[in-house]
Amino acid sequence: MSLSYKQSKTFSTSIGGAITLTAKLGILSFFLSLANNIVTYQKTTSLKTVFRGANTDNQTSQLTLDNFDLAIGLTFYDGLSHTYEKQNLHKYVKLEYTHMNFGFVVNADGNKVP
């Protein structure tokens, strides 16, 4: 970048000389401030670990048929249709479930008591 006046890089008057010096000093100070930013650049890295879960938070989840679904798929890789097996799946697979309730109580000290 250069400044020129009447195809000259400097001004012929003392006011023009002051403008030239001011412009060059401004450009120099700008580049020095950029260099200072590069030298003093610090990257802040922070690590935060949060352990969350139904037992560690005071969290309650009500599972009903409206908000819970279970799907099981059965695939045969031999190229046959296996229509009989698919229609009589109960002969090959036994599904069971267990219903459990668990919880805790927070005492006056804020500690969890099973």
PDB file of N, CA and C in Angstrom:
ATOM      1  N   MET A   1       0.853  -1.172   0.000  1.00  0.00           N
ATOM      2  CA  MET A   1       0.000   0.000   0.000  1.00  0.00           C
ATOM      3  C   MET A   1       0.895   1.230   0.000  1.00  0.00           C
ATOM      4  N   SER A   2       0.616   2.144  -0.858  1.00  0.00           N
ATOM      5  CA  SER A   2       1.420   3.365  -0.897  1.00  0.00           C
ATOM      6  C   SER A   2       0.498   4.554  -1.113  1.00  0.00           C
ATOM      7  N   LEU A   3       0.909   5.633  -0.568  1.00  0.00           N
ATOM      8  CA  LEU A   3       0.180   6.889  -0.743  1.00  0.00           C
ATOM      9  C   LEU A   3       0.966   7.763  -1.712  1.00  0.00           C
ATOM     10  N   SER A   4       0.276   8.393  -2.626  1.00  0.00           N
ATOM     11  CA  SER A   4       0.977   9.277  -3.555  1.00  0.00           C
ATOM     12  C   SER A   4       0.120  10.512  -3.805  1.00  0.00           C
ATOM     13  N   TYR A   5       0.797  11.578  -4.117  1.00  0.00           N
ATOM     14  CA  TYR A   5       0.137  12.840  -4.441  1.00  0.00           C
ATOM     15  C   TYR A   5       0.833  13.417  -5.654  1.00  0.00           C
ATOM     16  N   LYS A   6       0.103  13.575  -6.735  1.00  0.00           N
ATOM     17  CA  LYS A   6       0.648  14.061  -8.001  1.00  0.00           C
ATOM     18  C   LYS A   6       1.834  13.195  -8.431  1.00  0.00           C
ATOM     19  N   GLN A   7       1.654  11.882  -8.385  1.00  0.00           N
ATOM     20  CA  GLN A   7       2.634  10.871  -8.777  1.00  0.00           C
ATOM     21  C   GLN A   7       3.930  10.963  -7.980  1.00  0.00           C
ATOM     22  N   SER A   8       3.842  11.431  -6.746  1.00  0.00           N
ATOM     23  CA  SER A   8       5.001  11.492  -5.865  1.00  0.00           C
ATOM     24  C   SER A   8       4.624  10.788  -4.566  1.00  0.00           C
ATOM     25  N   LYS A   9       5.566  10.030  -3.981  1.00  0.00           N
ATOM     26  CA  LYS A   9       5.271   9.281  -2.766  1.00  0.00           C
ATOM     27  C   LYS A   9       5.379  10.156  -1.525  1.00  0.00           C
ATOM     28  N   THR A  10       5.880  11.366  -1.658  1.00  0.00           N
ATOM     29  CA  THR A  10       5.967  12.299  -0.534  1.00  0.00           C
ATOM     30  C   THR A  10       5.292  13.596  -0.936  1.00  0.00           C
ATOM     31  N   PHE A  11       4.895  14.320   0.093  1.00  0.00           N
ATOM     32  CA  PHE A  11       4.280  15.626  -0.155  1.00  0.00           C
ATOM     33  C   PHE A  11       5.362  16.690  -0.166  1.00  0.00           C
ATOM     34  N   SER A  12       5.153  17.762  -0.904  1.00  0.00           N
ATOM     35  CA  SER A  12       6.167  18.819  -1.053  1.00  0.00           C
ATOM     36  C   SER A  12       6.140  19.824   0.096  1.00  0.00           C
ATOM     37  N   THR A  13       5.108  19.846   0.880  1.00  0.00           N
ATOM     38  CA  THR A  13       5.012  20.841   1.950  1.00  0.00           C
ATOM     39  C   THR A  13       5.268  20.179   3.287  1.00  0.00           C
ATOM     40  N   SER A  14       5.468  21.001   4.329  1.00  0.00           N
ATOM     41  CA  SER A  14       5.694  20.446   5.665  1.00  0.00           C
ATOM     42  C   SER A  14       4.413  19.785   6.194  1.00  0.00           C
ATOM     43  N   ILE A  15       3.249  20.319   5.838  1.00  0.00           N
ATOM     44  CA  ILE A  15       1.988  19.671   6.237  1.00  0.00           C
ATOM     45  C   ILE A  15       1.870  18.322   5.534  1.00  0.00           C
ATOM     46  N   GLY A  16       2.243  18.266   4.273  1.00  0.00           N
ATOM     47  CA  GLY A  16       2.239  17.005   3.530  1.00  0.00           C
ATOM     48  C   GLY A  16       3.212  16.003   4.125  1.00  0.00           C
ATOM     49  N   GLY A  17       4.377  16.481   4.572  1.00  0.00           N
ATOM     50  CA  GLY A  17       5.358  15.601   5.227  1.00  0.00           C
ATOM     51  C   GLY A  17       4.793  15.031   6.522  1.00  0.00           C
ATOM     52  N   ALA A  18       4.064  15.876   7.259  1.00  0.00           N
ATOM     53  CA  ALA A  18       3.444  15.403   8.510  1.00  0.00           C
ATOM     54  C   ALA A  18       2.382  14.347   8.206  1.00  0.00           C
ATOM     55  N   ILE A  19       1.611  14.562   7.141  1.00  0.00           N
ATOM     56  CA  ILE A  19       0.597  13.581   6.742  1.00  0.00           C
ATOM     57  C   ILE A  19       1.276  12.262   6.340  1.00  0.00           C
ATOM     58  N   THR A  20       2.381  12.344   5.600  1.00  0.00           N
ATOM     59  CA  THR A  20       3.113  11.146   5.182  1.00  0.00           C
ATOM     60  C   THR A  20       3.635  10.383   6.395  1.00  0.00           C
ATOM     61  N   LEU A  21       4.270  11.101   7.325  1.00  0.00           N
ATOM     62  CA  LEU A  21       4.784  10.454   8.533  1.00  0.00           C
ATOM     63  C   LEU A  21       3.661   9.839   9.362  1.00  0.00           C
ATOM     64  N   THR A  22       2.562  10.564   9.486  1.00  0.00           N
ATOM     65  CA  THR A  22       1.427  10.058  10.264  1.00  0.00           C
ATOM     66  C   THR A  22       0.850   8.807   9.626  1.00  0.00           C
ATOM     67  N   ALA A  23       0.714   8.804   8.317  1.00  0.00           N
ATOM     68  CA  ALA A  23       0.176   7.640   7.623  1.00  0.00           C
ATOM     69  C   ALA A  23       1.105   6.439   7.762  1.00  0.00           C
ATOM     70  N   LYS A  24       2.407   6.646   7.573  1.00  0.00           N
ATOM     71  CA  LYS A  24       3.361   5.545   7.691  1.00  0.00           C
ATOM     72  C   LYS A  24       3.435   5.028   9.123  1.00  0.00           C
ATOM     73  N   LEU A  25       3.389   5.923  10.104  1.00  0.00           N
ATOM     74  CA  LEU A  25       3.395   5.488  11.497  1.00  0.00           C
ATOM     75  C   LEU A  25       2.101   4.739  11.851  1.00  0.00           C
ATOM     76  N   GLY A  26       1.000   5.182  11.288  1.00  0.00           N
ATOM     77  CA  GLY A  26      -0.274   4.483  11.527  1.00  0.00           C
ATOM     78  C   GLY A  26      -0.254   3.063  10.977  1.00  0.00           C
ATOM     79  N   ILE A  27       0.255   2.943   9.754  1.00  0.00           N
ATOM     80  CA  ILE A  27       0.349   1.611   9.142  1.00  0.00           C
ATOM     81  C   ILE A  27       1.318   0.733   9.932  1.00  0.00           C
ATOM     82  N   LEU A  28       2.450   1.276  10.348  1.00  0.00           N
ATOM     83  CA  LEU A  28       3.420   0.530  11.133  1.00  0.00           C
ATOM     84  C   LEU A  28       2.841   0.101  12.474  1.00  0.00           C
ATOM     85  N   SER A  29       2.122   1.008  13.144  1.00  0.00           N
ATOM     86  CA  SER A  29       1.534   0.645  14.437  1.00  0.00           C
ATOM     87  C   SER A  29       0.451  -0.419  14.269  1.00  0.00           C
ATOM     88  N   PHE A  30      -0.284  -0.380  13.168  1.00  0.00           N
ATOM     89  CA  PHE A  30      -1.294  -1.406  12.911  1.00  0.00           C
ATOM     90  C   PHE A  30      -0.634  -2.780  12.767  1.00  0.00           C
ATOM     91  N   PHE A  31       0.416  -2.873  11.970  1.00  0.00           N
ATOM     92  CA  PHE A  31       1.101  -4.145  11.789  1.00  0.00           C
ATOM     93  C   PHE A  31       1.776  -4.613  13.069  1.00  0.00           C
ATOM     94  N   LEU A  32       2.308  -3.679  13.857  1.00  0.00           N
ATOM     95  CA  LEU A  32       2.899  -4.069  15.143  1.00  0.00           C
ATOM     96  C   LEU A  32       1.844  -4.603  16.106  1.00  0.00           C
ATOM     97  N   SER A  33       0.661  -4.019  16.090  1.00  0.00           N
ATOM     98  CA  SER A  33      -0.403  -4.533  16.964  1.00  0.00           C
ATOM     99  C   SER A  33      -0.864  -5.915  16.509  1.00  0.00           C
ATOM    100  N   LEU A  34      -0.909  -6.176  15.200  1.00  0.00           N
ATOM    101  CA  LEU A  34      -1.233  -7.512  14.707  1.00  0.00           C
ATOM    102  C   LEU A  34      -0.167  -8.519  15.125  1.00  0.00           C
ATOM    103  N   ALA A  35       1.106  -8.123  14.998  1.00  0.00           N
ATOM    104  CA  ALA A  35       2.192  -9.018  15.403  1.00  0.00           C
ATOM    105  C   ALA A  35       2.132  -9.297  16.897  1.00  0.00           C
ATOM    106  N   ASN A  36       1.790  -8.295  17.698  1.00  0.00           N
ATOM    107  CA  ASN A  36       1.658  -8.480  19.138  1.00  0.00           C
ATOM    108  C   ASN A  36       0.525  -9.448  19.460  1.00  0.00           C
ATOM    109  N   ASN A  37      -0.580  -9.347  18.735  1.00  0.00           N
ATOM    110  CA  ASN A  37      -1.687 -10.286  18.950  1.00  0.00           C
ATOM    111  C   ASN A  37      -1.281 -11.718  18.625  1.00  0.00           C
ATOM    112  N   ILE A  38      -0.471 -11.892  17.586  1.00  0.00           N
ATOM    113  CA  ILE A  38      -0.018 -13.233  17.214  1.00  0.00           C
ATOM    114  C   ILE A  38       0.919 -13.790  18.291  1.00  0.00           C
ATOM    115  N   VAL A  39       1.830 -12.956  18.791  1.00  0.00           N
ATOM    116  CA  VAL A  39       2.795 -13.415  19.788  1.00  0.00           C
ATOM    117  C   VAL A  39       2.116 -13.734  21.114  1.00  0.00           C
ATOM    118  N   THR A  40       1.186 -12.923  21.539  1.00  0.00           N
ATOM    119  CA  THR A  40       0.559 -13.101  22.854  1.00  0.00           C
ATOM    120  C   THR A  40      -0.730 -13.900  22.800  1.00  0.00           C
ATOM    121  N   TYR A  41      -1.016 -14.564  21.683  1.00  0.00           N
ATOM    122  CA  TYR A  41      -2.255 -15.326  21.543  1.00  0.00           C
ATOM    123  C   TYR A  41      -2.260 -16.486  22.521  1.00  0.00           C
ATOM    124  N   GLN A  42      -3.333 -16.609  23.266  1.00  0.00           N
ATOM    125  CA  GLN A  42      -3.496 -17.712  24.207  1.00  0.00           C
ATOM    126  C   GLN A  42      -4.824 -18.383  23.925  1.00  0.00           C
ATOM    127  N   LYS A  43      -4.774 -19.674  23.828  1.00  0.00           N
ATOM    128  CA  LYS A  43      -5.996 -20.439  23.622  1.00  0.00           C
ATOM    129  C   LYS A  43      -6.391 -21.061  24.949  1.00  0.00           C
ATOM    130  N   THR A  44      -7.587 -20.800  25.384  1.00  0.00           N
ATOM    131  CA  THR A  44      -8.069 -21.339  26.643  1.00  0.00           C
ATOM    132  C   THR A  44      -8.814 -22.636  26.374  1.00  0.00           C
ATOM    133  N   THR A  45      -8.363 -23.684  27.022  1.00  0.00           N
ATOM    134  CA  THR A  45      -9.008 -24.982  26.900  1.00  0.00           C
ATOM    135  C   THR A  45      -9.530 -25.369  28.266  1.00  0.00           C
ATOM    136  N   SER A  46     -10.780 -25.745  28.310  1.00  0.00           N
ATOM    137  CA  SER A  46     -11.354 -26.170  29.582  1.00  0.00           C
ATOM    138  C   SER A  46     -12.022 -27.518  29.399  1.00  0.00           C
ATOM    139  N   LEU A  47     -12.016 -28.303  30.439  1.00  0.00           N
ATOM    140  CA  LEU A  47     -12.602 -29.635  30.430  1.00  0.00           C
ATOM    141  C   LEU A  47     -13.604 -29.704  31.568  1.00  0.00           C
ATOM    142  N   LYS A  48     -14.789 -30.153  31.232  1.00  0.00           N
ATOM    143  CA  LYS A  48     -15.834 -30.271  32.237  1.00  0.00           C
ATOM    144  C   LYS A  48     -16.463 -31.643  32.091  1.00  0.00           C
ATOM    145  N   THR A  49     -16.521 -32.372  33.178  1.00  0.00           N
ATOM    146  CA  THR A  49     -17.118 -33.689  33.179  1.00  0.00           C
ATOM    147  C   THR A  49     -18.337 -33.664  34.086  1.00  0.00           C
ATOM    148  N   VAL A  50     -19.446 -34.117  33.564  1.00  0.00           N
ATOM    149  CA  VAL A  50     -20.683 -34.145  34.327  1.00  0.00           C
ATOM    150  C   VAL A  50     -21.193 -35.578  34.307  1.00  0.00           C
ATOM    151  N   PHE A  51     -21.425 -36.126  35.485  1.00  0.00           N
ATOM    152  CA  PHE A  51     -21.992 -37.457  35.594  1.00  0.00           C
ATOM    153  C   PHE A  51     -23.478 -37.306  35.843  1.00  0.00           C
ATOM    154  N   ARG A  52     -24.281 -37.829  34.923  1.00  0.00           N
ATOM    155  CA  ARG A  52     -25.723 -37.697  35.047  1.00  0.00           C
ATOM    156  C   ARG A  52     -26.350 -39.067  34.931  1.00  0.00           C
ATOM    157  N   GLY A  53     -27.438 -39.227  35.576  1.00  0.00           N
ATOM    158  CA  GLY A  53     -28.162 -40.481  35.492  1.00  0.00           C
ATOM    159  C   GLY A  53     -29.403 -40.412  36.354  1.00  0.00           C
ATOM    160  N   ALA A  54     -30.257 -41.396  36.192  1.00  0.00           N
ATOM    161  CA  ALA A  54     -31.503 -41.409  36.953  1.00  0.00           C
ATOM    162  C   ALA A  54     -31.235 -41.569  38.447  1.00  0.00           C
ATOM    163  N   ASN A  55     -30.159 -42.234  38.808  1.00  0.00           N
ATOM    164  CA  ASN A  55     -29.856 -42.424  40.226  1.00  0.00           C
ATOM    165  C   ASN A  55     -29.097 -41.259  40.832  1.00  0.00           C
ATOM    166  N   THR A  56     -28.297 -40.542  40.051  1.00  0.00           N
ATOM    167  CA  THR A  56     -27.505 -39.450  40.603  1.00  0.00           C
ATOM    168  C   THR A  56     -28.264 -38.127  40.615  1.00  0.00           C
ATOM    169  N   ASP A  57     -29.234 -37.970  39.752  1.00  0.00           N
ATOM    170  CA  ASP A  57     -30.070 -36.766  39.753  1.00  0.00           C
ATOM    171  C   ASP A  57     -31.383 -37.101  40.458  1.00  0.00           C
ATOM    172  N   ASN A  58     -32.023 -36.116  40.932  1.00  0.00           N
ATOM    173  CA  ASN A  58     -33.357 -36.328  41.499  1.00  0.00           C
ATOM    174  C   ASN A  58     -34.345 -36.367  40.341  1.00  0.00           C
ATOM    175  N   GLN A  59     -34.283 -37.449  39.583  1.00  0.00           N
ATOM    176  CA  GLN A  59     -35.025 -37.554  38.334  1.00  0.00           C
ATOM    177  C   GLN A  59     -35.991 -38.722  38.427  1.00  0.00           C
ATOM    178  N   THR A  60     -37.194 -38.504  37.963  1.00  0.00           N
ATOM    179  CA  THR A  60     -38.210 -39.553  37.937  1.00  0.00           C
ATOM    180  C   THR A  60     -38.717 -39.693  36.520  1.00  0.00           C
ATOM    181  N   SER A  61     -38.791 -40.925  36.056  1.00  0.00           N
ATOM    182  CA  SER A  61     -39.311 -41.193  34.725  1.00  0.00           C
ATOM    183  C   SER A  61     -40.479 -42.147  34.858  1.00  0.00           C
ATOM    184  N   GLN A  62     -41.598 -41.784  34.309  1.00  0.00           N
ATOM    185  CA  GLN A  62     -42.772 -42.643  34.303  1.00  0.00           C
ATOM    186  C   GLN A  62     -42.870 -43.290  32.927  1.00  0.00           C
ATOM    187  N   LEU A  63     -42.679 -44.600  32.858  1.00  0.00           N
ATOM    188  CA  LEU A  63     -42.769 -45.308  31.594  1.00  0.00           C
ATOM    189  C   LEU A  63     -44.173 -45.866  31.451  1.00  0.00           C
ATOM    190  N   THR A  64     -44.825 -45.501  30.375  1.00  0.00           N
ATOM    191  CA  THR A  64     -46.164 -46.000  30.076  1.00  0.00           C
ATOM    192  C   THR A  64     -46.155 -46.517  28.643  1.00  0.00           C
ATOM    193  N   LEU A  65     -47.267 -47.064  28.215  1.00  0.00           N
ATOM    194  CA  LEU A  65     -47.356 -47.534  26.832  1.00  0.00           C
ATOM    195  C   LEU A  65     -47.325 -46.384  25.835  1.00  0.00           C
ATOM    196  N   ASP A  66     -47.580 -45.157  26.300  1.00  0.00           N
ATOM    197  CA  ASP A  66     -47.563 -43.998  25.406  1.00  0.00           C
ATOM    198  C   ASP A  66     -46.148 -43.484  25.132  1.00  0.00           C
ATOM    199  N   ASN A  67     -45.229 -43.656  26.095  1.00  0.00           N
ATOM    200  CA  ASN A  67     -43.901 -43.081  25.904  1.00  0.00           C
ATOM    201  C   ASN A  67     -42.786 -44.130  25.874  1.00  0.00           C
ATOM    202  N   PHE A  68     -43.126 -45.398  25.785  1.00  0.00           N
ATOM    203  CA  PHE A  68     -42.114 -46.453  25.744  1.00  0.00           C
ATOM    204  C   PHE A  68     -42.554 -47.508  24.745  1.00  0.00           C
ATOM    205  N   ASP A  69     -41.606 -47.969  23.956  1.00  0.00           N
ATOM    206  CA  ASP A  69     -41.918 -48.971  22.954  1.00  0.00           C
ATOM    207  C   ASP A  69     -40.719 -49.906  22.849  1.00  0.00           C
ATOM    208  N   LEU A  70     -40.988 -51.170  22.609  1.00  0.00           N
ATOM    209  CA  LEU A  70     -39.949 -52.163  22.456  1.00  0.00           C
ATOM    210  C   LEU A  70     -40.180 -52.893  21.144  1.00  0.00           C
ATOM    211  N   ALA A  71     -39.153 -52.990  20.335  1.00  0.00           N
ATOM    212  CA  ALA A  71     -39.277 -53.658  19.033  1.00  0.00           C
ATOM    213  C   ALA A  71     -38.204 -54.730  18.921  1.00  0.00           C
ATOM    214  N   ILE A  72     -38.598 -55.868  18.380  1.00  0.00           N
ATOM    215  CA  ILE A  72     -37.667 -56.974  18.161  1.00  0.00           C
ATOM    216  C   ILE A  72     -37.782 -57.383  16.701  1.00  0.00           C
ATOM    217  N   GLY A  73     -36.655 -57.545  16.054  1.00  0.00           N
ATOM    218  CA  GLY A  73     -36.648 -57.971  14.661  1.00  0.00           C
ATOM    219  C   GLY A  73     -36.015 -59.343  14.529  1.00  0.00           C
ATOM    220  N   LEU A  74     -36.488 -60.097  13.580  1.00  0.00           N
ATOM    221  CA  LEU A  74     -35.960 -61.429  13.316  1.00  0.00           C
ATOM    222  C   LEU A  74     -35.648 -61.509  11.827  1.00  0.00           C
ATOM    223  N   THR A  75     -34.396 -61.827  11.494  1.00  0.00           N
ATOM    224  CA  THR A  75     -33.969 -61.860  10.101  1.00  0.00           C
ATOM    225  C   THR A  75     -33.298 -63.193   9.817  1.00  0.00           C
ATOM    226  N   PHE A  76     -33.658 -63.807   8.724  1.00  0.00           N
ATOM    227  CA  PHE A  76     -33.025 -65.038   8.267  1.00  0.00           C
ATOM    228  C   PHE A  76     -32.164 -64.694   7.056  1.00  0.00           C
ATOM    229  N   TYR A  77     -30.966 -65.225   7.017  1.00  0.00           N
ATOM    230  CA  TYR A  77     -30.031 -64.887   5.955  1.00  0.00           C
ATOM    231  C   TYR A  77     -29.848 -66.008   4.926  1.00  0.00           C
ATOM    232  N   ASP A  78     -30.751 -66.974   4.880  1.00  0.00           N
ATOM    233  CA  ASP A  78     -30.572 -68.067   3.942  1.00  0.00           C
ATOM    234  C   ASP A  78     -31.393 -67.905   2.661  1.00  0.00           C
ATOM    235  N   GLY A  79     -32.105 -66.799   2.508  1.00  0.00           N
ATOM    236  CA  GLY A  79     -32.839 -66.531   1.287  1.00  0.00           C
ATOM    237  C   GLY A  79     -34.236 -67.119   1.238  1.00  0.00           C
ATOM    238  N   LEU A  80     -34.635 -67.907   2.222  1.00  0.00           N
ATOM    239  CA  LEU A  80     -35.976 -68.485   2.253  1.00  0.00           C
ATOM    240  C   LEU A  80     -36.929 -67.539   2.972  1.00  0.00           C
ATOM    241  N   SER A  81     -38.247 -67.714   2.743  1.00  0.00           N
ATOM    242  CA  SER A  81     -39.218 -66.779   3.320  1.00  0.00           C
ATOM    243  C   SER A  81     -39.478 -67.037   4.797  1.00  0.00           C
ATOM    244  N   HIS A  82     -39.380 -68.304   5.252  1.00  0.00           N
ATOM    245  CA  HIS A  82     -39.599 -68.672   6.653  1.00  0.00           C
ATOM    246  C   HIS A  82     -40.934 -68.161   7.181  1.00  0.00           C
ATOM    247  N   THR A  83     -41.978 -68.300   6.401  1.00  0.00           N
ATOM    248  CA  THR A  83     -43.307 -67.824   6.781  1.00  0.00           C
ATOM    249  C   THR A  83     -43.809 -68.535   8.033  1.00  0.00           C
ATOM    250  N   TYR A  84     -43.637 -69.836   8.115  1.00  0.00           N
ATOM    251  CA  TYR A  84     -44.117 -70.583   9.277  1.00  0.00           C
ATOM    252  C   TYR A  84     -43.421 -70.114  10.553  1.00  0.00           C
ATOM    253  N   GLU A  85     -42.126 -69.931  10.491  1.00  0.00           N
ATOM    254  CA  GLU A  85     -41.373 -69.506  11.677  1.00  0.00           C
ATOM    255  C   GLU A  85     -41.806 -68.110  12.125  1.00  0.00           C
ATOM    256  N   LYS A  86     -42.037 -67.228  11.173  1.00  0.00           N
ATOM    257  CA  LYS A  86     -42.446 -65.868  11.526  1.00  0.00           C
ATOM    258  C   LYS A  86     -43.851 -65.837  12.122  1.00  0.00           C
ATOM    259  N   GLN A  87     -44.738 -66.668  11.638  1.00  0.00           N
ATOM    260  CA  GLN A  87     -46.101 -66.697  12.168  1.00  0.00           C
ATOM    261  C   GLN A  87     -46.179 -67.412  13.517  1.00  0.00           C
ATOM    262  N   ASN A  88     -45.251 -68.301  13.794  1.00  0.00           N
ATOM    263  CA  ASN A  88     -45.242 -69.051  15.047  1.00  0.00           C
ATOM    264  C   ASN A  88     -43.995 -68.714  15.861  1.00  0.00           C
ATOM    265  N   LEU A  89     -43.716 -67.459  15.970  1.00  0.00           N
ATOM    266  CA  LEU A  89     -42.512 -66.993  16.651  1.00  0.00           C
ATOM    267  C   LEU A  89     -42.505 -67.395  18.123  1.00  0.00           C
ATOM    268  N   HIS A  90     -43.681 -67.511  18.736  1.00  0.00           N
ATOM    269  CA  HIS A  90     -43.758 -67.839  20.155  1.00  0.00           C
ATOM    270  C   HIS A  90     -43.184 -69.226  20.462  1.00  0.00           C
ATOM    271  N   LYS A  91     -43.051 -70.086  19.475  1.00  0.00           N
ATOM    272  CA  LYS A  91     -42.460 -71.405  19.682  1.00  0.00           C
ATOM    273  C   LYS A  91     -40.936 -71.327  19.779  1.00  0.00           C
ATOM    274  N   TYR A  92     -40.342 -70.250  19.238  1.00  0.00           N
ATOM    275  CA  TYR A  92     -38.894 -70.150  19.162  1.00  0.00           C
ATOM    276  C   TYR A  92     -38.303 -69.130  20.134  1.00  0.00           C
ATOM    277  N   VAL A  93     -39.093 -68.174  20.521  1.00  0.00           N
ATOM    278  CA  VAL A  93     -38.592 -67.086  21.361  1.00  0.00           C
ATOM    279  C   VAL A  93     -39.520 -66.923  22.544  1.00  0.00           C
ATOM    280  N   LYS A  94     -38.944 -66.799  23.734  1.00  0.00           N
ATOM    281  CA  LYS A  94     -39.732 -66.558  24.937  1.00  0.00           C
ATOM    282  C   LYS A  94     -39.337 -65.180  25.469  1.00  0.00           C
ATOM    283  N   LEU A  95     -40.308 -64.307  25.597  1.00  0.00           N
ATOM    284  CA  LEU A  95     -40.063 -62.954  26.086  1.00  0.00           C
ATOM    285  C   LEU A  95     -40.599 -62.827  27.502  1.00  0.00           C
ATOM    286  N   GLU A  96     -39.798 -62.283  28.382  1.00  0.00           N
ATOM    287  CA  GLU A  96     -40.208 -62.022  29.756  1.00  0.00           C
ATOM    288  C   GLU A  96     -39.766 -60.613  30.119  1.00  0.00           C
ATOM    289  N   TYR A  97     -40.454 -60.046  31.065  1.00  0.00           N
ATOM    290  CA  TYR A  97     -40.017 -58.755  31.571  1.00  0.00           C
ATOM    291  C   TYR A  97     -40.215 -58.739  33.073  1.00  0.00           C
ATOM    292  N   THR A  98     -39.472 -57.914  33.719  1.00  0.00           N
ATOM    293  CA  THR A  98     -39.560 -57.764  35.165  1.00  0.00           C
ATOM    294  C   THR A  98     -39.823 -56.302  35.469  1.00  0.00           C
ATOM    295  N   HIS A  99     -40.778 -56.074  36.316  1.00  0.00           N
ATOM    296  CA  HIS A  99     -41.119 -54.708  36.738  1.00  0.00           C
ATOM    297  C   HIS A  99     -40.442 -54.458  38.071  1.00  0.00           C
ATOM    298  N   MET A 100     -39.650 -53.395  38.149  1.00  0.00           N
ATOM    299  CA  MET A 100     -38.930 -53.071  39.385  1.00  0.00           C
ATOM    300  C   MET A 100     -39.146 -51.611  39.727  1.00  0.00           C
ATOM    301  N   ASN A 101     -39.297 -51.341  40.987  1.00  0.00           N
ATOM    302  CA  ASN A 101     -39.334 -49.976  41.506  1.00  0.00           C
ATOM    303  C   ASN A 101     -38.102 -49.769  42.369  1.00  0.00           C
ATOM    304  N   PHE A 102     -37.431 -48.660  42.195  1.00  0.00           N
ATOM    305  CA  PHE A 102     -36.309 -48.325  43.066  1.00  0.00           C
ATOM    306  C   PHE A 102     -36.335 -46.829  43.285  1.00  0.00           C
ATOM    307  N   GLY A 103     -35.721 -46.411  44.356  1.00  0.00           N
ATOM    308  CA  GLY A 103     -35.717 -44.990  44.658  1.00  0.00           C
ATOM    309  C   GLY A 103     -34.783 -44.694  45.801  1.00  0.00           C
ATOM    310  N   PHE A 104     -34.773 -43.472  46.231  1.00  0.00           N
ATOM    311  CA  PHE A 104     -33.940 -43.043  47.341  1.00  0.00           C
ATOM    312  C   PHE A 104     -34.609 -41.842  47.990  1.00  0.00           C
ATOM    313  N   VAL A 105     -34.134 -41.526  49.175  1.00  0.00           N
ATOM    314  CA  VAL A 105     -34.643 -40.387  49.930  1.00  0.00           C
ATOM    315  C   VAL A 105     -33.454 -39.504  50.257  1.00  0.00           C
ATOM    316  N   VAL A 106     -33.620 -38.214  50.146  1.00  0.00           N
ATOM    317  CA  VAL A 106     -32.572 -37.266  50.502  1.00  0.00           C
ATOM    318  C   VAL A 106     -32.846 -36.793  51.916  1.00  0.00           C
ATOM    319  N   ASN A 107     -31.860 -37.001  52.822  1.00  0.00           N
ATOM    320  CA  ASN A 107     -32.065 -36.593  54.214  1.00  0.00           C
ATOM    321  C   ASN A 107     -31.761 -35.102  54.377  1.00  0.00           C
ATOM    322  N   ALA A 108     -31.818 -34.623  55.614  1.00  0.00           N
ATOM    323  CA  ALA A 108     -31.654 -33.195  55.880  1.00  0.00           C
ATOM    324  C   ALA A 108     -30.252 -32.686  55.525  1.00  0.00           C
ATOM    325  N   ASP A 109     -29.249 -33.581  55.544  1.00  0.00           N
ATOM    326  CA  ASP A 109     -27.887 -33.195  55.190  1.00  0.00           C
ATOM    327  C   ASP A 109     -27.642 -33.155  53.699  1.00  0.00           C
ATOM    328  N   GLY A 110     -28.626 -33.569  52.910  1.00  0.00           N
ATOM    329  CA  GLY A 110     -28.483 -33.604  51.467  1.00  0.00           C
ATOM    330  C   GLY A 110     -27.902 -34.897  50.950  1.00  0.00           C
ATOM    331  N   ASN A 111     -27.733 -35.894  51.824  1.00  0.00           N
ATOM    332  CA  ASN A 111     -27.198 -37.196  51.419  1.00  0.00           C
ATOM    333  C   ASN A 111     -28.335 -38.099  50.978  1.00  0.00           C
ATOM    334  N   LYS A 112     -28.047 -38.922  50.006  1.00  0.00           N
ATOM    335  CA  LYS A 112     -29.061 -39.851  49.496  1.00  0.00           C
ATOM    336  C   LYS A 112     -29.071 -41.108  50.358  1.00  0.00           C
ATOM    337  N   VAL A 113     -30.237 -41.492  50.800  1.00  0.00           N
ATOM    338  CA  VAL A 113     -30.417 -42.682  51.617  1.00  0.00           C
ATOM    339  C   VAL A 113     -31.239 -43.670  50.819  1.00  0.00           C
ATOM    340  N   PRO A 114     -30.744 -44.918  50.630  1.00  0.00           N
ATOM    341  CA  PRO A 114     -31.510 -45.891  49.845  1.00  0.00           C
ATOM    342  C   PRO A 114     -32.799 -46.295  50.525  1.00  0.00           C
TER     343      PRO A 114
END
